[in-house]
C-alpha atoms as a PDB file:
ATOM      1  CA  MET A   1      14.562 -13.918 -32.870  1.00  0.00           C
ATOM      2  CA  GLU A   2      17.882 -12.223 -32.084  1.00  0.00           C
ATOM      3  CA  SER A   3      20.487 -11.917 -34.780  1.00  0.00           C
ATOM      4  CA  MET A   4      23.672 -13.742 -33.752  1.00  0.00           C
ATOM      5  CA  ASN A   5      26.288 -13.059 -36.369  1.00  0.00           C
ATOM      6  CA  LYS A   6      29.673 -11.389 -36.382  1.00  0.00           C
ATOM      7  CA  HIS A   7      28.259  -8.293 -38.078  1.00  0.00           C
ATOM      8  CA  ASP A   8      25.726  -7.631 -35.311  1.00  0.00           C
ATOM      9  CA  PRO A   9      26.955  -4.501 -33.508  1.00  0.00           C
ATOM     10  CA  GLY A  10      24.816  -4.913 -30.407  1.00  0.00           C
ATOM     11  CA  GLY A  11      23.639  -7.444 -27.906  1.00  0.00           C
ATOM     12  CA  ALA A  12      24.498  -8.444 -24.399  1.00  0.00           C
ATOM     13  CA  GLU A  13      27.423 -10.606 -23.381  1.00  0.00           C
ATOM     14  CA  ALA A  14      26.340 -14.135 -22.440  1.00  0.00           C
ATOM     15  CA  LYS A  15      27.585 -15.906 -19.323  1.00  0.00           C
ATOM     16  CA  LEU A  16      28.380 -19.573 -19.913  1.00  0.00           C
ATOM     17  CA  HIS A  17      29.597 -22.625 -18.054  1.00  0.00           C
ATOM     18  CA  TYR A  18      32.060 -24.550 -20.212  1.00  0.00           C
ATOM     19  CA  GLY A  19      31.836 -28.340 -19.967  1.00  0.00           C
ATOM     20  CA  ASP A  20      33.875 -31.070 -21.620  1.00  0.00           C
ATOM     21  CA  ASN A  21      31.669 -31.338 -24.706  1.00  0.00           C
ATOM     22  CA  GLU A  22      29.032 -28.686 -24.175  1.00  0.00           C
ATOM     23  CA  ILE A  23      28.268 -25.246 -22.841  1.00  0.00           C
ATOM     24  CA  THR A  24      25.483 -24.268 -20.480  1.00  0.00           C
ATOM     25  CA  ILE A  25      24.003 -20.796 -20.797  1.00  0.00           C
ATOM     26  CA  LEU A  26      23.841 -19.112 -17.393  1.00  0.00           C
ATOM     27  CA  LYS A  27      22.837 -15.691 -18.748  1.00  0.00           C
ATOM     28  CA  HIS A  28      21.481 -15.243 -22.258  1.00  0.00           C
ATOM     29  CA  GLY A  29      23.332 -12.990 -24.665  1.00  0.00           C
ATOM     30  CA  THR A  30      24.591 -12.801 -28.218  1.00  0.00           C
ATOM     31  CA  HIS A  31      28.303 -13.337 -27.618  1.00  0.00           C
ATOM     32  CA  VAL A  32      31.177 -14.004 -25.214  1.00  0.00           C
ATOM     33  CA  LEU A  33      34.618 -12.397 -25.157  1.00  0.00           C
ATOM     34  CA  CYS A  34      37.829 -14.177 -26.096  1.00  0.00           C
ATOM     35  CA  ALA A  35      39.977 -14.507 -22.973  1.00  0.00           C
ATOM     36  CA  VAL A  36      43.155 -13.836 -24.979  1.00  0.00           C
ATOM     37  CA  SER A  37      42.245 -11.226 -27.600  1.00  0.00           C
ATOM     38  CA  GLY A  38      39.151  -9.652 -26.062  1.00  0.00           C
ATOM     39  CA  GLU A  39      37.310 -10.081 -29.378  1.00  0.00           C
ATOM     40  CA  ARG A  40      33.596 -10.789 -29.415  1.00  0.00           C
ATOM     41  CA  ILE A  41      32.678 -14.369 -30.292  1.00  0.00           C
ATOM     42  CA  PRO A  42      29.085 -14.858 -31.469  1.00  0.00           C
ATOM     43  CA  LEU A  43      27.656 -17.876 -29.650  1.00  0.00           C
ATOM     44  CA  ASP A  44      26.981 -19.691 -32.904  1.00  0.00           C
ATOM     45  CA  GLU A  45      30.722 -19.453 -33.732  1.00  0.00           C
ATOM     46  CA  LEU A  46      32.051 -20.544 -30.322  1.00  0.00           C
ATOM     47  CA  ARG A  47      34.152 -23.681 -30.802  1.00  0.00           C
ATOM     48  CA  TYR A  48      37.124 -23.359 -28.424  1.00  0.00           C
ATOM     49  CA  TRP A  49      37.214 -23.084 -24.641  1.00  0.00           C
ATOM     50  CA  ASN A  50      39.066 -24.266 -21.558  1.00  0.00           C
ATOM     51  CA  VAL A  51      36.969 -26.171 -19.013  1.00  0.00           C
ATOM     52  CA  ASP A  52      39.427 -25.718 -16.124  1.00  0.00           C
ATOM     53  CA  LEU A  53      39.880 -21.980 -16.663  1.00  0.00           C
ATOM     54  CA  GLN A  54      36.281 -21.407 -17.840  1.00  0.00           C
ATOM     55  CA  GLU A  55      37.555 -19.292 -20.744  1.00  0.00           C
ATOM     56  CA  ALA A  56      36.453 -18.921 -24.355  1.00  0.00           C
ATOM     57  CA  TYR A  57      38.812 -18.499 -27.321  1.00  0.00           C
ATOM     58  CA  ARG A  58      38.134 -17.004 -30.740  1.00  0.00           C
ATOM     59  CA  SER A  59      40.139 -19.596 -32.672  1.00  0.00           C
ATOM     60  CA  PRO A  60      42.762 -22.334 -32.311  1.00  0.00           C
ATOM     61  CA  LYS A  61      45.399 -19.576 -32.423  1.00  0.00           C
ATOM     62  CA  GLU A  62      44.209 -18.001 -29.155  1.00  0.00           C
ATOM     63  CA  ALA A  63      43.611 -21.392 -27.520  1.00  0.00           C
ATOM     64  CA  THR A  64      47.171 -22.439 -28.378  1.00  0.00           C
ATOM     65  CA  GLN A  65      48.569 -19.136 -27.138  1.00  0.00           C
ATOM     66  CA  ARG A  66      46.858 -19.618 -23.745  1.00  0.00           C
ATOM     67  CA  TRP A  67      48.075 -23.238 -23.560  1.00  0.00           C
ATOM     68  CA  LYS A  68      51.658 -22.088 -24.181  1.00  0.00           C
ATOM     69  CA  GLU A  69      51.322 -19.416 -21.469  1.00  0.00           C
ATOM     70  CA  LEU A  70      50.133 -22.052 -18.999  1.00  0.00           C
ATOM     71  CA  GLN A  71      53.002 -24.380 -19.920  1.00  0.00           C
ATOM     72  CA  GLU A  72      55.524 -21.594 -19.322  1.00  0.00           C
ATOM     73  CA  LYS A  73      54.036 -20.922 -15.878  1.00  0.00           C
ATOM     74  CA  LYS A  74      54.352 -24.612 -14.995  1.00  0.00           C
ATOM     75  CA  GLN A  75      58.061 -24.535 -15.977  1.00  0.00           C
ATOM     76  CA  ARG A  76      58.789 -21.772 -13.454  1.00  0.00           C
END
Protein backbone atom coordinates (compact mmCIF):
# COMPACT_ATOMS: atom_id res chain seq x y z
CA MET A 1 0.00 0.00 0.00
CA GLU A 2 1.26 3.49 -0.87
CA SER A 3 2.00 5.93 1.89
CA MET A 4 -0.20 9.02 1.54
CA ASN A 5 0.88 11.51 4.15
CA LYS A 6 2.30 15.01 4.06
CA HIS A 7 5.78 13.74 4.92
CA ASP A 8 5.96 11.45 1.88
CA PRO A 9 8.52 13.03 -0.46
CA GLY A 10 7.56 11.07 -3.55
CA GLY A 11 4.61 9.86 -5.52
CA ALA A 12 2.80 10.85 -8.65
CA GLU A 13 0.29 13.66 -8.93
CA ALA A 14 -3.29 12.36 -9.16
CA LYS A 15 -5.79 13.66 -11.70
CA LEU A 16 -9.27 14.12 -10.26
CA HIS A 17 -12.73 15.21 -11.31
CA TYR A 18 -14.28 17.37 -8.59
CA GLY A 19 -18.00 16.87 -8.02
CA ASP A 20 -20.41 18.58 -5.65
CA ASN A 21 -19.84 16.16 -2.77
CA GLU A 22 -17.22 13.78 -4.07
CA ILE A 23 -14.12 13.38 -6.18
CA THR A 24 -13.53 10.84 -8.92
CA ILE A 25 -9.99 9.62 -9.48
CA LEU A 26 -9.10 9.80 -13.18
CA LYS A 27 -5.41 8.99 -12.69
CA HIS A 28 -4.10 7.45 -9.48
CA GLY A 29 -1.49 9.32 -7.49
CA THR A 30 -0.59 10.36 -3.97
CA HIS A 31 -1.47 14.05 -4.14
CA VAL A 32 -2.84 17.01 -6.11
CA LEU A 33 -1.51 20.56 -6.24
CA CYS A 34 -3.23 23.56 -4.68
CA ALA A 35 -4.39 25.87 -7.48
CA VAL A 36 -3.48 28.95 -5.42
CA SER A 37 -0.30 28.09 -3.52
CA GLY A 38 1.08 25.23 -5.60
CA GLU A 39 1.52 23.16 -2.43
CA ARG A 40 1.07 19.40 -2.53
CA ILE A 41 -2.15 18.15 -0.97
CA PRO A 42 -2.14 14.46 0.00
CA LEU A 43 -5.39 12.92 -1.22
CA ASP A 44 -6.39 11.90 2.28
CA GLU A 45 -6.20 15.59 3.33
CA LEU A 46 -8.11 17.04 0.36
CA ARG A 47 -11.19 18.85 1.68
CA TYR A 48 -11.59 21.98 -0.46
CA TRP A 49 -12.18 22.34 -4.20
CA ASN A 50 -14.14 24.28 -6.79
CA VAL A 51 -16.43 22.21 -9.01
CA ASP A 52 -16.79 24.87 -11.73
CA LEU A 53 -13.06 25.58 -11.98
CA GLN A 54 -12.02 21.97 -11.25
CA GLU A 55 -9.39 23.22 -8.79
CA ALA A 56 -8.15 21.93 -5.45
CA TYR A 57 -7.22 24.12 -2.47
CA ARG A 58 -4.96 23.34 0.48
CA SER A 59 -7.17 25.01 3.08
CA PRO A 60 -10.08 27.43 3.54
CA LYS A 61 -7.54 30.26 3.25
CA GLU A 62 -6.66 29.41 -0.36
CA ALA A 63 -10.29 28.65 -1.26
CA THR A 64 -11.34 32.06 0.09
CA GLN A 65 -8.49 33.79 -1.73
CA ARG A 66 -9.62 32.26 -5.06
CA TRP A 67 -13.25 33.20 -4.35
CA LYS A 68 -12.22 36.81 -3.72
CA GLU A 69 -10.21 36.86 -6.96
CA LEU A 70 -13.25 35.63 -8.88
CA GLN A 71 -15.49 38.24 -7.25
CA GLU A 72 -13.07 41.01 -8.24
CA LYS A 73 -13.10 39.80 -11.86
CA LYS A 74 -16.90 39.88 -11.88
CA GLN A 75 -16.84 43.51 -10.65
CA ARG A 76 -14.76 44.61 -13.65
